[in-house]
Amino acid sequence: MTRGDARELAVHLIYSQTFTGEEPNQVVETRLNKEYYKKLSTENSIYEERPSRSQLAYIDGVVSGVVNRVEDLNAVIQKFSIGWDVSRISRLTRTILQLAIYEIQHVSDVPVGVAVSEAVRLAKKYDGDDTGAFVNGILGAYARSLETEVTE
């Protein structure tokens, strides 16, 4: 499993948590249970290979991080989604944006450009090209604002 696959799996887990309200560790434990995970492999190829220990640590960290900082992440989305209220953005797209922003802010081994391009890839895969462009616009504006902060 690649980091991109682990990222996609994390999106699935965070997205499901928005419906269940489960604690992050419970979401990871339940969805990555061997029997449950194996059943999911028939529905989506992302579940064909189990995450390695390092990928599991990444998944656990980002799922907990996003769920525990959702208000702060949504505030960033709101600031850079000009003309859009966060509540109007689909739950899945919002999840993808939250994960990318969390990675930019808190995951030191993920370059900003990778977080943005992976979010765009996932948005296009699950919500279409227009959503990919929307995600790119928000994350691009956010990334540029960070560059401006550094140079000031």
C-alpha atoms as a PDB file:
ATOM      1  CA  MET A   1       0.000   0.000   0.000  1.00  0.00           C
ATOM      2  CA  THR A   2       1.349   3.408  -0.968  1.00  0.00           C
ATOM      3  CA  ARG A   3       1.061   6.614   1.055  1.00  0.00           C
ATOM      4  CA  GLY A   4      -1.522   7.752  -1.494  1.00  0.00           C
ATOM      5  CA  ASP A   5      -3.571   4.629  -0.785  1.00  0.00           C
ATOM      6  CA  ALA A   6      -3.210   5.218   2.958  1.00  0.00           C
ATOM      7  CA  ARG A   7      -4.376   8.809   2.430  1.00  0.00           C
ATOM      8  CA  GLU A   8      -7.415   7.612   0.485  1.00  0.00           C
ATOM      9  CA  LEU A   9      -8.204   5.098   3.206  1.00  0.00           C
ATOM     10  CA  ALA A  10      -7.923   7.879   5.796  1.00  0.00           C
ATOM     11  CA  VAL A  11     -10.454   9.926   3.798  1.00  0.00           C
ATOM     12  CA  HIS A  12     -12.854   6.970   3.924  1.00  0.00           C
ATOM     13  CA  LEU A  13     -12.420   6.653   7.691  1.00  0.00           C
ATOM     14  CA  ILE A  14     -12.823  10.373   8.393  1.00  0.00           C
ATOM     15  CA  TYR A  15     -15.848  10.508   6.096  1.00  0.00           C
ATOM     16  CA  SER A  16     -17.507   7.570   7.846  1.00  0.00           C
ATOM     17  CA  GLN A  17     -16.852   9.201  11.217  1.00  0.00           C
ATOM     18  CA  THR A  18     -18.909  12.207  10.114  1.00  0.00           C
ATOM     19  CA  PHE A  19     -21.921   9.884   9.969  1.00  0.00           C
ATOM     20  CA  THR A  20     -21.263   7.688  13.007  1.00  0.00           C
ATOM     21  CA  GLY A  21     -19.806  10.221  15.434  1.00  0.00           C
ATOM     22  CA  GLU A  22     -17.466   7.507  16.715  1.00  0.00           C
ATOM     23  CA  GLU A  23     -14.226   8.377  18.438  1.00  0.00           C
ATOM     24  CA  PRO A  24     -11.316   8.374  15.981  1.00  0.00           C
ATOM     25  CA  ASN A  25      -9.607   5.329  17.504  1.00  0.00           C
ATOM     26  CA  GLN A  26     -12.872   3.385  17.304  1.00  0.00           C
ATOM     27  CA  VAL A  27     -13.330   4.290  13.635  1.00  0.00           C
ATOM     28  CA  VAL A  28      -9.840   3.027  12.816  1.00  0.00           C
ATOM     29  CA  GLU A  29     -10.199  -0.102  14.937  1.00  0.00           C
ATOM     30  CA  THR A  30     -13.605  -1.035  13.515  1.00  0.00           C
ATOM     31  CA  ARG A  31     -12.892  -0.336   9.849  1.00  0.00           C
ATOM     32  CA  LEU A  32      -9.436  -1.932   9.888  1.00  0.00           C
ATOM     33  CA  ASN A  33     -10.610  -5.096  11.624  1.00  0.00           C
ATOM     34  CA  LYS A  34      -9.302  -7.954   9.444  1.00  0.00           C
ATOM     35  CA  GLU A  35     -12.693  -9.524   8.725  1.00  0.00           C
ATOM     36  CA  TYR A  36     -14.439  -6.226   8.058  1.00  0.00           C
ATOM     37  CA  TYR A  37     -11.540  -4.974   5.948  1.00  0.00           C
ATOM     38  CA  LYS A  38     -11.550  -8.127   3.827  1.00  0.00           C
ATOM     39  CA  LYS A  39     -15.257  -7.662   3.053  1.00  0.00           C
ATOM     40  CA  LEU A  40     -14.585  -4.116   1.882  1.00  0.00           C
ATOM     41  CA  SER A  41     -12.030  -5.353  -0.658  1.00  0.00           C
ATOM     42  CA  THR A  42     -14.889  -6.558  -2.864  1.00  0.00           C
ATOM     43  CA  GLU A  43     -16.327  -3.023  -2.945  1.00  0.00           C
ATOM     44  CA  ASN A  44     -13.186  -0.919  -3.449  1.00  0.00           C
ATOM     45  CA  SER A  45      -9.689  -1.879  -4.575  1.00  0.00           C
ATOM     46  CA  ILE A  46      -8.157   0.394  -1.938  1.00  0.00           C
ATOM     47  CA  TYR A  47      -8.938  -2.368   0.576  1.00  0.00           C
ATOM     48  CA  GLU A  48      -7.111  -5.137  -1.296  1.00  0.00           C
ATOM     49  CA  GLU A  49      -3.868  -4.582   0.601  1.00  0.00           C
ATOM     50  CA  ARG A  50      -3.649  -3.948   4.323  1.00  0.00           C
ATOM     51  CA  PRO A  51      -1.671  -0.937   5.537  1.00  0.00           C
ATOM     52  CA  SER A  52       1.855  -1.479   6.874  1.00  0.00           C
ATOM     53  CA  ARG A  53       2.692  -0.415  10.421  1.00  0.00           C
ATOM     54  CA  SER A  54       4.038   2.942   9.266  1.00  0.00           C
ATOM     55  CA  GLN A  55       0.963   3.542   7.110  1.00  0.00           C
ATOM     56  CA  LEU A  56      -1.278   2.496   9.978  1.00  0.00           C
ATOM     57  CA  ALA A  57       0.487   5.030  12.211  1.00  0.00           C
ATOM     58  CA  TYR A  58      -0.060   7.707   9.535  1.00  0.00           C
ATOM     59  CA  ILE A  59      -3.753   6.759   9.158  1.00  0.00           C
ATOM     60  CA  ASP A  60      -4.330   6.706  12.910  1.00  0.00           C
ATOM     61  CA  GLY A  61      -2.596  10.058  13.315  1.00  0.00           C
ATOM     62  CA  VAL A  62      -4.414  11.903  10.552  1.00  0.00           C
ATOM     63  CA  VAL A  63      -7.836  10.471  11.399  1.00  0.00           C
ATOM     64  CA  SER A  64      -7.453  11.548  15.034  1.00  0.00           C
ATOM     65  CA  GLY A  65      -5.932  14.857  14.026  1.00  0.00           C
ATOM     66  CA  VAL A  66      -8.674  15.793  11.590  1.00  0.00           C
ATOM     67  CA  VAL A  67     -11.541  14.684  13.824  1.00  0.00           C
ATOM     68  CA  ASN A  68     -10.103  16.527  16.831  1.00  0.00           C
ATOM     69  CA  ARG A  69      -9.443  19.750  14.877  1.00  0.00           C
ATOM     70  CA  VAL A  70     -12.464  19.824  12.582  1.00  0.00           C
ATOM     71  CA  GLU A  71     -13.598  23.317  13.633  1.00  0.00           C
ATOM     72  CA  ASP A  72     -10.161  24.831  12.992  1.00  0.00           C
ATOM     73  CA  LEU A  73      -9.867  23.050   9.644  1.00  0.00           C
ATOM     74  CA  ASN A  74     -13.343  24.199   8.621  1.00  0.00           C
ATOM     75  CA  ALA A  75     -12.381  27.770   9.536  1.00  0.00           C
ATOM     76  CA  VAL A  76      -9.492  27.572   7.047  1.00  0.00           C
ATOM     77  CA  ILE A  77     -11.818  26.128   4.400  1.00  0.00           C
ATOM     78  CA  GLN A  78     -14.330  28.916   5.065  1.00  0.00           C
ATOM     79  CA  LYS A  79     -11.662  31.602   4.782  1.00  0.00           C
ATOM     80  CA  PHE A  80     -10.451  30.372   1.378  1.00  0.00           C
ATOM     81  CA  SER A  81     -13.722  29.154  -0.170  1.00  0.00           C
ATOM     82  CA  ILE A  82     -14.848  32.599  -1.182  1.00  0.00           C
ATOM     83  CA  GLY A  83     -18.552  32.701  -1.895  1.00  0.00           C
ATOM     84  CA  TRP A  84     -19.161  29.261  -0.404  1.00  0.00           C
ATOM     85  CA  ASP A  85     -20.349  28.399   3.063  1.00  0.00           C
ATOM     86  CA  VAL A  86     -18.594  25.313   4.418  1.00  0.00           C
ATOM     87  CA  SER A  87     -21.973  23.654   5.019  1.00  0.00           C
ATOM     88  CA  ARG A  88     -22.696  23.835   1.254  1.00  0.00           C
ATOM     89  CA  ILE A  89     -19.548  21.875   0.384  1.00  0.00           C
ATOM     90  CA  SER A  90     -20.258  18.153   0.099  1.00  0.00           C
ATOM     91  CA  ARG A  91     -19.264  16.122   3.116  1.00  0.00           C
ATOM     92  CA  LEU A  92     -16.761  14.108   1.079  1.00  0.00           C
ATOM     93  CA  THR A  93     -15.119  17.173  -0.472  1.00  0.00           C
ATOM     94  CA  ARG A  94     -14.978  18.818   2.944  1.00  0.00           C
ATOM     95  CA  THR A  95     -13.274  15.692   4.315  1.00  0.00           C
ATOM     96  CA  ILE A  96     -10.685  15.757   1.530  1.00  0.00           C
ATOM     97  CA  LEU A  97     -10.003  19.455   2.184  1.00  0.00           C
ATOM     98  CA  GLN A  98      -9.748  18.887   5.938  1.00  0.00           C
ATOM     99  CA  LEU A  99      -7.217  16.109   5.480  1.00  0.00           C
ATOM    100  CA  ALA A 100      -5.081  18.158   3.085  1.00  0.00           C
ATOM    101  CA  ILE A 101      -5.065  21.173   5.393  1.00  0.00           C
ATOM    102  CA  TYR A 102      -4.253  18.960   8.364  1.00  0.00           C
ATOM    103  CA  GLU A 103      -1.341  17.425   6.446  1.00  0.00           C
ATOM    104  CA  ILE A 104      -0.036  20.874   5.487  1.00  0.00           C
ATOM    105  CA  GLN A 105      -0.238  22.082   9.072  1.00  0.00           C
ATOM    106  CA  HIS A 106       0.800  18.991  11.033  1.00  0.00           C
ATOM    107  CA  VAL A 107       2.440  16.223   8.945  1.00  0.00           C
ATOM    108  CA  SER A 108       6.062  17.228   8.464  1.00  0.00           C
ATOM    109  CA  ASP A 109       6.955  14.562   5.897  1.00  0.00           C
ATOM    110  CA  VAL A 110       4.191  15.604   3.470  1.00  0.00           C
ATOM    111  CA  PRO A 111       5.201  18.542   1.251  1.00  0.00           C
ATOM    112  CA  VAL A 112       2.516  21.161   0.649  1.00  0.00           C
ATOM    113  CA  GLY A 113       2.447  20.387  -3.079  1.00  0.00           C
ATOM    114  CA  VAL A 114       1.862  16.694  -2.408  1.00  0.00           C
ATOM    115  CA  ALA A 115      -0.989  17.405   0.006  1.00  0.00           C
ATOM    116  CA  VAL A 116      -2.625  19.663  -2.584  1.00  0.00           C
ATOM    117  CA  SER A 117      -2.147  17.338  -5.573  1.00  0.00           C
ATOM    118  CA  GLU A 118      -3.353  14.305  -3.648  1.00  0.00           C
ATOM    119  CA  ALA A 119      -6.451  16.181  -2.483  1.00  0.00           C
ATOM    120  CA  VAL A 120      -7.177  17.205  -6.075  1.00  0.00           C
ATOM    121  CA  ARG A 121      -6.686  13.596  -7.226  1.00  0.00           C
ATOM    122  CA  LEU A 122      -9.121  12.292  -4.607  1.00  0.00           C
ATOM    123  CA  ALA A 123     -11.676  15.025  -5.306  1.00  0.00           C
ATOM    124  CA  LYS A 124     -11.604  14.219  -9.028  1.00  0.00           C
ATOM    125  CA  LYS A 125     -11.869  10.489  -8.342  1.00  0.00           C
ATOM    126  CA  TYR A 126     -14.868  10.763  -6.041  1.00  0.00           C
ATOM    127  CA  ASP A 127     -16.614  14.001  -7.045  1.00  0.00           C
ATOM    128  CA  GLY A 128     -15.445  14.830 -10.590  1.00  0.00           C
ATOM    129  CA  ASP A 129     -13.170  17.271 -12.406  1.00  0.00           C
ATOM    130  CA  ASP A 130     -15.080  20.393 -11.345  1.00  0.00           C
ATOM    131  CA  THR A 131     -14.654  19.453  -7.703  1.00  0.00           C
ATOM    132  CA  GLY A 132     -10.966  18.837  -8.310  1.00  0.00           C
ATOM    133  CA  ALA A 133     -10.642  22.388  -9.620  1.00  0.00           C
ATOM    134  CA  PHE A 134     -12.604  23.728  -6.630  1.00  0.00           C
ATOM    135  CA  VAL A 135     -10.323  21.878  -4.186  1.00  0.00           C
ATOM    136  CA  ASN A 136      -7.249  23.074  -6.059  1.00  0.00           C
ATOM    137  CA  GLY A 137      -8.458  26.664  -5.827  1.00  0.00           C
ATOM    138  CA  ILE A 138      -9.039  26.557  -2.084  1.00  0.00           C
ATOM    139  CA  LEU A 139      -5.827  24.710  -1.255  1.00  0.00           C
ATOM    140  CA  GLY A 140      -3.786  26.770  -3.702  1.00  0.00           C
ATOM    141  CA  ALA A 141      -4.968  30.004  -2.088  1.00  0.00           C
ATOM    142  CA  TYR A 142      -4.231  28.571   1.355  1.00  0.00           C
ATOM    143  CA  ALA A 143      -0.738  27.447   0.294  1.00  0.00           C
ATOM    144  CA  ARG A 144       0.020  30.869  -1.194  1.00  0.00           C
ATOM    145  CA  SER A 145      -1.086  32.540   2.040  1.00  0.00           C
ATOM    146  CA  LEU A 146       1.434  30.390   3.929  1.00  0.00           C
ATOM    147  CA  GLU A 147       4.207  31.430   1.535  1.00  0.00           C
ATOM    148  CA  THR A 148       3.282  35.069   2.109  1.00  0.00           C
ATOM    149  CA  GLU A 149       3.461  34.579   5.893  1.00  0.00           C
ATOM    150  CA  VAL A 150       6.957  33.089   5.576  1.00  0.00           C
ATOM    151  CA  THR A 151       8.287  35.933   3.437  1.00  0.00           C
ATOM    152  CA  GLU A 152       6.885  38.708   5.658  1.00  0.00           C
END
